[in-house]
Protein backbone atom coordinates (compact mmCIF):
# COMPACT_ATOMS: atom_id res chain seq x y z
CA MET A 1 33.03 106.03 244.73
CA ASN A 2 32.19 107.93 247.95
CA ILE A 3 35.47 109.81 247.81
CA PHE A 4 34.35 111.54 244.58
CA LYS A 5 31.22 112.84 246.32
CA ARG A 6 33.23 114.00 249.34
CA ILE A 7 35.73 115.87 247.16
CA ALA A 8 32.94 117.45 245.11
CA LEU A 9 31.26 118.54 248.34
CA LEU A 10 34.49 120.09 249.55
CA PHE A 11 34.82 122.02 246.28
CA SER A 12 31.29 123.37 246.57
CA LYS A 13 31.90 124.47 250.15
CA ASN A 14 35.02 126.34 249.16
CA ASN A 15 33.65 128.16 246.11
CA LYS A 16 32.90 131.16 248.31
CA ASN A 17 36.62 131.53 248.97
CA GLU A 18 37.62 131.73 245.30
CA GLY A 19 38.44 135.43 245.60
CA GLU A 20 40.67 134.95 248.61
CA GLU A 21 44.42 134.49 248.29
CA SER A 22 45.66 130.91 248.93
CA LEU A 23 49.12 129.49 249.35
CA SER A 24 50.90 128.54 246.11
CA THR A 25 52.78 125.61 247.59
CA ARG A 26 52.12 122.83 250.12
CA LYS A 27 55.04 121.13 251.86
CA GLY A 28 57.44 122.26 249.17
CA VAL A 29 55.20 121.20 246.24
CA ASN A 30 54.68 123.89 243.60
CA PHE A 31 50.99 123.45 242.76
CA SER A 32 51.26 125.97 239.94
CA ASP A 33 53.47 123.43 238.13
CA PRO A 34 51.18 120.82 236.48
CA SER A 35 53.84 118.08 236.52
CA ALA A 36 54.71 118.65 240.18
CA ARG A 37 51.03 118.83 241.10
CA SER A 38 50.21 115.63 239.21
CA ALA A 39 53.20 113.81 240.74
CA TYR A 40 52.08 114.89 244.22
CA PHE A 41 48.51 113.60 243.71
CA MET A 42 49.80 110.34 242.18
CA ASP A 43 52.09 109.81 245.19
CA CYS A 44 49.11 110.10 247.54
CA LEU A 45 47.00 107.72 245.42
CA ASP A 46 49.88 105.22 245.13
CA GLN A 47 50.22 105.28 248.92
CA MET A 48 46.51 104.53 249.29
CA GLU A 49 46.68 101.69 246.75
CA GLU A 50 49.82 100.07 248.20
CA SER A 51 48.48 100.26 251.77
CA SER A 52 45.14 98.73 250.70
CA LYS A 53 46.92 95.82 249.02
CA GLU A 54 48.96 95.22 252.17
CA VAL A 55 45.75 95.14 254.24
CA GLU A 56 44.25 92.52 251.92
CA LEU A 57 47.35 90.32 252.27
CA LEU A 58 47.32 90.59 256.06
CA ALA A 59 43.62 89.83 256.36
CA GLY A 60 44.15 86.13 255.56
CA GLU A 61 46.83 85.70 258.23
CA TYR A 62 44.63 87.53 260.72
CA GLN A 63 41.72 85.18 259.98
CA LEU A 64 43.99 82.11 260.33
CA VAL A 65 45.24 83.19 263.77
CA THR A 66 41.66 83.98 264.78
CA ASP A 67 40.66 80.43 263.78
CA TYR A 68 43.46 79.05 265.96
CA LEU A 69 42.12 81.04 268.89
CA THR A 70 38.66 79.68 268.16
CA ASP A 71 40.10 76.15 268.43
CA VAL A 72 41.50 77.06 271.87
CA ASP A 73 38.06 78.24 272.95
CA GLU A 74 36.41 75.07 271.59
CA ILE A 75 38.82 72.86 273.55
CA ASP A 76 38.41 74.86 276.76
CA ALA A 77 34.62 74.57 276.44
CA LEU A 78 34.55 70.76 276.08
CA PRO A 79 32.48 68.81 278.61
CA ALA A 80 34.36 66.82 281.26
CA GLY A 81 33.87 63.49 279.47
CA LYS A 82 35.24 64.68 276.13
CA LYS A 83 38.07 66.52 277.83
CA SER A 84 39.00 63.42 279.85
CA GLU A 85 39.08 61.36 276.64
CA LEU A 86 41.31 63.93 274.98
CA GLU A 87 43.60 64.03 278.02
CA SER A 88 43.87 60.23 278.05
CA CYS A 89 44.75 60.10 274.36
CA ALA A 90 47.18 62.97 274.71
CA LYS A 91 48.83 61.27 277.68
CA GLN A 92 49.34 58.03 275.69
CA PHE A 93 50.76 59.89 272.76
CA ALA A 94 53.12 61.81 275.02
CA ALA A 95 54.25 58.56 276.66
CA TYR A 96 55.19 56.94 273.36
CA SER A 97 56.88 60.09 272.23
CA SER A 98 58.97 59.98 275.39
CA GLU A 99 59.82 56.33 274.71
CA ILE A 100 61.11 57.24 271.28
CA GLN A 101 63.53 59.65 272.91
CA LYS A 102 65.05 56.81 274.94
CA TYR A 103 66.35 55.21 271.77
CA ARG A 104 68.55 58.15 271.21
CA GLU A 105 72.02 57.51 272.51
CA ARG A 106 73.49 60.59 271.03
CA LYS A 107 73.25 64.26 271.66
CA SER A 108 70.31 65.73 269.81
CA ARG A 109 71.03 68.21 267.09
CA MET A 110 68.14 70.37 268.24
CA SER A 111 65.77 70.68 271.16
CA ASP A 112 62.34 69.10 271.14
CA ILE A 113 60.74 72.53 271.17
CA GLU A 114 62.65 73.49 268.02
CA TYR A 115 61.87 70.14 266.42
CA TYR A 116 58.15 70.25 267.10
CA THR A 117 57.92 73.92 266.24
CA LEU A 118 59.33 73.19 262.81
CA LYS A 119 57.33 69.99 262.47
CA LYS A 120 54.00 71.71 262.96
CA ARG A 121 55.10 74.31 260.38
CA GLU A 122 56.92 71.84 258.12
CA PRO A 123 54.83 72.49 254.98
CA GLU A 124 55.58 76.19 255.16
CA VAL A 125 59.17 76.31 256.51
CA GLU A 126 60.91 76.32 253.12
CA GLU A 127 58.55 79.02 251.95
CA GLY A 128 59.20 80.85 255.22
CA ILE A 129 62.98 80.63 254.66
CA ALA A 130 62.55 81.99 251.13
CA LYS A 131 60.35 84.82 252.43
CA ILE A 132 62.84 85.73 255.17
CA ARG A 133 65.77 85.59 252.74
CA GLU A 134 63.92 87.77 250.28
CA ALA A 135 62.83 90.21 252.98
CA GLU A 136 66.34 90.44 254.47
CA LYS A 137 67.83 91.00 251.03
CA TYR A 138 65.18 93.60 250.30
CA ALA A 139 65.90 95.37 253.62
CA VAL A 140 69.58 95.71 252.66
CA ALA A 141 68.64 97.04 249.22
CA VAL A 142 66.15 99.53 250.69
CA LYS A 143 68.72 100.83 253.18
CA ARG A 144 71.18 101.28 250.33
CA ASP A 145 68.54 103.13 248.30
CA LEU A 146 67.71 105.38 251.25
CA ARG A 147 71.39 106.27 251.68
CA ARG A 148 71.73 106.95 247.97
CA LEU A 149 68.59 109.11 247.89
CA ASP A 150 69.75 111.03 250.93
CA GLY A 151 73.14 111.62 249.30
CA GLU A 152 71.49 112.88 246.13
CA ARG A 153 69.20 115.14 248.15
CA GLN A 154 72.18 116.60 250.03
CA ALA A 155 73.91 117.24 246.70
CA ARG A 156 70.83 119.06 245.39
CA LEU A 157 70.64 121.09 248.60
CA PHE A 158 74.27 122.13 248.10
CA ILE A 159 73.52 123.22 244.52
CA LYS A 160 70.43 125.08 245.75
CA ASN A 161 72.43 126.97 248.39
CA GLU A 162 75.20 127.77 245.90
CA SER A 163 72.64 129.11 243.44
CA ARG A 164 71.19 131.38 246.13
CA LYS A 165 74.67 132.65 247.01
CA ASN A 166 75.42 133.34 243.34
CA MET A 167 72.13 135.22 242.95
CA SER A 168 72.97 137.34 245.97
CA ASN A 169 76.46 138.01 244.60
CA TYR A 170 75.08 139.05 241.22
CA LYS A 171 72.71 141.48 242.91
CA GLY A 172 75.66 142.98 244.78
CA MET A 173 77.63 143.27 241.56
CA VAL A 174 74.78 145.19 239.95
CA VAL A 175 74.78 147.63 242.86
CA ILE A 176 78.55 148.07 242.49
CA PHE A 177 78.24 148.66 238.73
CA ILE A 178 75.54 151.28 239.26
CA GLY A 179 77.57 153.01 241.97
CA ALA A 180 80.68 153.03 239.81
CA TYR A 181 78.70 154.34 236.87
CA VAL A 182 77.19 157.17 238.94
CA LEU A 183 80.63 158.11 240.32
CA CYS A 184 82.13 158.03 236.84
CA MET A 185 79.34 160.27 235.52
CA LEU A 186 79.95 162.76 238.31
CA LEU A 187 83.68 162.89 237.52
CA LEU A 188 82.99 163.32 233.82
CA LEU A 189 80.51 166.12 234.56
CA PHE A 190 83.17 167.79 236.72
CA PHE A 191 85.74 167.51 233.92
CA GLN A 192 83.25 168.84 231.40
CA PHE A 193 81.92 171.86 233.26
CA ALA A 194 84.68 172.70 235.71
CA LEU A 195 87.69 172.10 233.44
CA ASP A 196 85.92 172.61 230.11
CA LEU A 197 87.08 169.25 228.71
CA ASN A 198 85.49 167.18 225.96
CA VAL A 199 84.36 163.97 227.75
CA PHE A 200 81.91 162.59 225.20
CA ILE A 201 84.02 159.50 224.64
CA GLY A 202 84.13 159.00 228.42
CA TYR A 203 80.34 159.09 228.59
CA PHE A 204 80.10 156.58 225.79
CA LEU A 205 82.70 154.20 227.18
CA ALA A 206 81.29 154.31 230.74
CA THR A 207 77.75 153.68 229.53
CA ALA A 208 78.85 150.84 227.22
CA LEU A 209 80.91 149.14 229.91
CA VAL A 210 78.11 149.34 232.46
CA ALA A 211 75.57 148.05 229.92
CA ILE A 212 77.79 145.10 228.99
CA ALA A 213 78.51 144.27 232.65
CA ALA A 214 74.82 144.53 233.56
CA ALA A 215 73.82 142.29 230.64
CA VAL A 216 76.36 139.62 231.55
CA THR A 217 75.32 139.78 235.21
CA ALA A 218 71.63 139.53 234.28
CA ILE A 219 72.28 136.44 232.15
CA LYS A 220 74.22 134.79 234.96
CA TYR A 221 71.49 135.73 237.43
CA MET A 222 68.82 134.09 235.21
CA ASP A 223 70.97 130.98 234.86
CA ALA A 224 71.33 130.81 238.65
CA THR A 225 67.54 131.21 239.02
CA LYS A 226 66.90 128.32 236.63
CA GLU A 227 69.44 126.19 238.45
CA LEU A 228 67.74 127.00 241.77
CA LYS A 229 64.30 126.00 240.45
CA HIS A 230 65.68 122.81 238.94
CA ALA A 231 67.43 121.88 242.19
CA GLN A 232 64.22 122.47 244.20
CA ALA A 233 62.22 120.30 241.78
CA GLU A 234 64.78 117.52 242.10
CA ILE A 235 64.68 117.83 245.90
CA ASN A 236 60.87 117.46 245.90
CA LYS A 237 61.10 114.34 243.72
CA LEU A 238 63.77 112.83 245.97
CA ILE A 239 61.71 113.54 249.10
CA ALA A 240 58.69 111.82 247.53
CA LEU A 241 60.85 108.82 246.60
CA GLN A 242 62.30 108.70 250.11
CA ASN A 243 58.82 108.68 251.63
CA THR A 244 57.73 105.81 249.38
CA VAL A 245 60.88 103.81 250.12
CA LYS A 246 60.50 104.44 253.87
CA ILE A 247 56.93 103.09 253.81
CA ARG A 248 58.15 99.97 252.04
CA TYR A 249 61.01 99.62 254.50
CA VAL A 250 58.65 99.84 257.50
CA ASN A 251 56.29 97.24 256.00
CA ASN A 252 59.24 94.96 255.18
CA ARG A 253 60.64 95.39 258.70
CA LYS A 254 57.29 94.48 260.25
CA LEU A 255 57.04 91.45 257.96
CA LEU A 256 60.48 90.28 259.12
CA GLU A 257 59.54 90.78 262.77
CA PHE A 258 56.39 88.73 262.24
CA LEU A 259 58.28 85.92 260.47
CA TYR A 260 60.96 85.86 263.18
CA LEU A 261 58.25 85.61 265.82
CA LYS A 262 56.41 82.96 263.84
CA TYR A 263 59.46 80.68 263.59
CA HIS A 264 61.08 81.73 266.89
CA VAL A 265 64.36 82.76 265.25
CA GLU A 266 66.51 85.88 265.09
CA ASN A 267 67.40 85.73 261.38
CA GLY A 268 67.18 83.65 258.23
CA ASP A 269 70.52 81.89 258.89
CA LYS A 270 69.19 80.57 262.18
CA LEU A 271 66.00 79.24 260.59
CA GLU A 272 67.88 77.63 257.71
CA LYS A 273 70.31 75.97 260.16
CA LEU A 274 67.41 74.69 262.24
CA TRP A 275 65.66 73.45 259.13
CA LYS A 276 68.68 71.42 258.01
CA ALA A 277 69.09 70.00 261.52
CA TYR A 278 65.39 69.16 261.58
CA GLN A 279 65.59 67.23 258.32
CA LEU A 280 68.46 65.09 259.66
CA GLU A 281 66.67 64.58 262.95
CA LYS A 282 63.51 63.52 261.20
CA GLU A 283 65.35 60.99 259.07
CA GLU A 284 66.91 59.36 262.14
CA ARG A 285 63.61 59.22 264.00
CA ARG A 286 62.12 57.20 261.17
CA GLN A 287 64.38 54.34 262.24
CA PHE A 288 62.38 53.78 265.36
CA THR A 289 59.42 52.35 263.46
CA GLU A 290 57.95 50.21 266.19
CA ALA A 291 57.71 52.99 268.76
CA GLN A 292 56.54 55.37 266.07
CA ALA A 293 53.76 52.99 265.04
CA GLN A 294 52.24 53.25 268.50
CA SER A 295 52.80 56.98 268.52
CA GLU A 296 51.07 57.37 265.16
CA TYR A 297 48.09 55.38 266.32
CA PHE A 298 47.41 57.72 269.22
CA GLN A 299 48.21 60.65 267.02
CA LYS A 300 45.46 59.66 264.57
CA HIS A 301 43.10 58.99 267.43
CA LEU A 302 43.77 62.45 268.86
CA ILE A 303 43.11 64.08 265.49
CA GLU A 304 39.88 62.14 265.18
CA LEU A 305 38.75 63.24 268.62
CA LEU A 306 39.54 66.86 267.83
CA SER A 307 37.76 66.68 264.46
CA ASN A 308 34.66 65.41 266.22
CA VAL A 309 34.54 68.41 268.56
CA ARG A 310 34.56 71.10 265.83
CA VAL A 311 38.26 71.96 266.03
CA ARG A 312 39.10 73.52 262.68
CA TYR A 313 42.79 72.67 262.64
CA PRO A 314 43.18 69.40 264.57
CA ASP A 315 46.60 68.64 263.05
CA ARG A 316 48.01 71.72 264.73
CA TRP A 317 47.29 70.30 268.18
CA VAL A 318 49.04 66.99 267.68
CA TYR A 319 52.37 68.40 268.82
CA GLN A 320 50.88 70.56 271.53
CA THR A 321 49.45 67.77 273.61
CA GLY A 322 50.85 69.35 276.75
CA ALA A 323 48.12 71.93 276.41
CA PHE A 324 45.53 69.19 277.17
CA LEU A 325 47.46 68.06 280.26
CA ASP A 326 48.67 71.35 281.67
CA PRO A 327 46.31 74.36 281.64
CA ARG A 328 49.32 76.68 281.92
CA GLU A 329 50.57 75.57 278.51
CA MET A 330 47.16 76.22 276.97
CA VAL A 331 47.32 79.71 278.47
CA GLU A 332 50.74 80.21 276.89
CA ILE A 333 49.44 79.10 273.50
CA ARG A 334 46.51 81.48 273.76
CA HIS A 335 48.89 84.27 274.79
CA GLU A 336 51.18 83.61 271.81
CA LEU A 337 48.25 83.59 269.40
CA ILE A 338 46.90 86.83 270.85
CA ILE A 339 50.32 88.43 270.42
CA ARG A 340 50.53 87.18 266.83
CA ARG A 341 47.06 88.49 266.04
CA GLN A 342 47.87 91.80 267.71
CA ARG A 343 50.99 92.15 265.56
CA VAL A 344 48.99 91.47 262.41
CA ARG A 345 46.27 93.86 263.63
CA GLU A 346 48.90 96.55 264.19
CA GLN A 347 50.16 96.04 260.64
CA ILE A 348 46.61 96.26 259.29
CA ASP A 349 45.88 99.41 261.34
CA TYR A 350 49.19 100.94 260.28
CA ASN A 351 48.44 100.45 256.58
CA LYS A 352 44.84 101.61 257.01
CA LYS A 353 46.15 104.77 258.68
CA LEU A 354 48.55 105.33 255.79
CA ALA A 355 45.66 105.05 253.35
CA GLU A 356 43.46 107.34 255.48
CA ASP A 357 46.29 109.88 255.82
CA ALA A 358 46.78 109.93 252.05
CA LYS A 359 43.03 110.28 251.53
CA SER A 360 42.84 113.08 254.13
CA GLU A 361 45.77 114.80 252.45
CA ILE A 362 43.96 114.80 249.11
CA GLU A 363 40.81 116.15 250.77
CA GLU A 364 42.82 118.84 252.56
CA VAL A 365 44.47 119.85 249.28
CA ALA A 366 41.00 119.98 247.74
CA LYS A 367 39.99 122.49 250.43
CA VAL A 368 43.03 124.69 249.83
CA TYR A 369 43.09 124.36 246.03
CA PRO A 370 39.50 123.95 244.79
CA GLU A 371 40.58 125.00 241.30
CA TYR A 372 42.17 121.57 240.82
CA ALA A 373 38.90 119.69 241.34
CA GLY A 374 38.69 118.36 237.83
CA GLU A 375 42.30 117.18 237.82
CA ILE A 376 41.93 115.34 241.15
CA ILE A 377 38.75 113.57 240.03
CA GLU A 378 40.38 112.65 236.69
CA LEU A 379 43.35 111.11 238.52
CA LEU A 380 41.02 109.23 240.86
CA ASN A 381 39.07 107.88 237.90
CA SER A 382 42.28 106.79 236.16
CA LYS A 383 43.46 104.91 239.29
CA ASP A 384 40.03 103.34 239.77
CA ALA A 385 39.80 102.16 236.14
């Protein structure tokens, strides 16, 4: 892969700096710790892999919307004769569709726009509901995980601060012990030479007490140091987990926004309610067979005309006949498709940037820490295998 060559090149360029002092950590990661260093590199590689997969998934939707826009261009470019024939067929189909509505002597359960929106997406609505439900459920779970991770991080920060306070206190205690010992020695020397007293036992007891106190304090200080290091390691792991979860949350949020835009709803409950209403509405409309027969005839004719003029998805235009009769509606359709494609493009660019940022981060680390060249390449090979 090209990235191996680029990293190797970076190592060779930085060999001249081997004698210079470099930072031991980067953004809180202790690169002298093999496990922390490996976890950091794996996080960057996982980010690249996950973002690349997301780009692959979005590419199909982007191509589909692009094909829809191509259909708009094909229709706009039709000669006057073909366009007139399409308009005539579309007008007939619209007339019979309007006649069907006259049979309805009740209040509709849903608007025509909602009905036809769901009808043109009927094969994918149930899948869309499942996707929205899953994404909404996942969003709740991710938020809960983020709160939990933040709570755990705050707890580790508290332990870290307490460990630092304890270490400072132990240092102060050592100073006090030394001061007390020196003062005691001075008093004993005074008793020995000024008053001619035997203070050997005093020397022994003072020295023993100070030694015991210093040993206990040293042990507690080392325990506090270990606790501090452990807390910092846990904080680094939690931060890495939070970053990964946040990336997934952003991607899930963008997916939900796209699905809401696609089905013109605010949430999954709304789409499910519309879908149930649509199914009832569709069943009732089947009763008007005679009017529908005429409508279906012109519908098939319209599809045939569109198929003959290189429209890739003629079925999609059946319920957008207004676009053939009113140029403003065609403009609106084009505008909606452009917005949809732009949203998908933004998602693709966002994930590409995530992958590039992770790649740049690895390259930057390679510049700062050339001694880890072999380890980075080994990890890259393991991910590529």
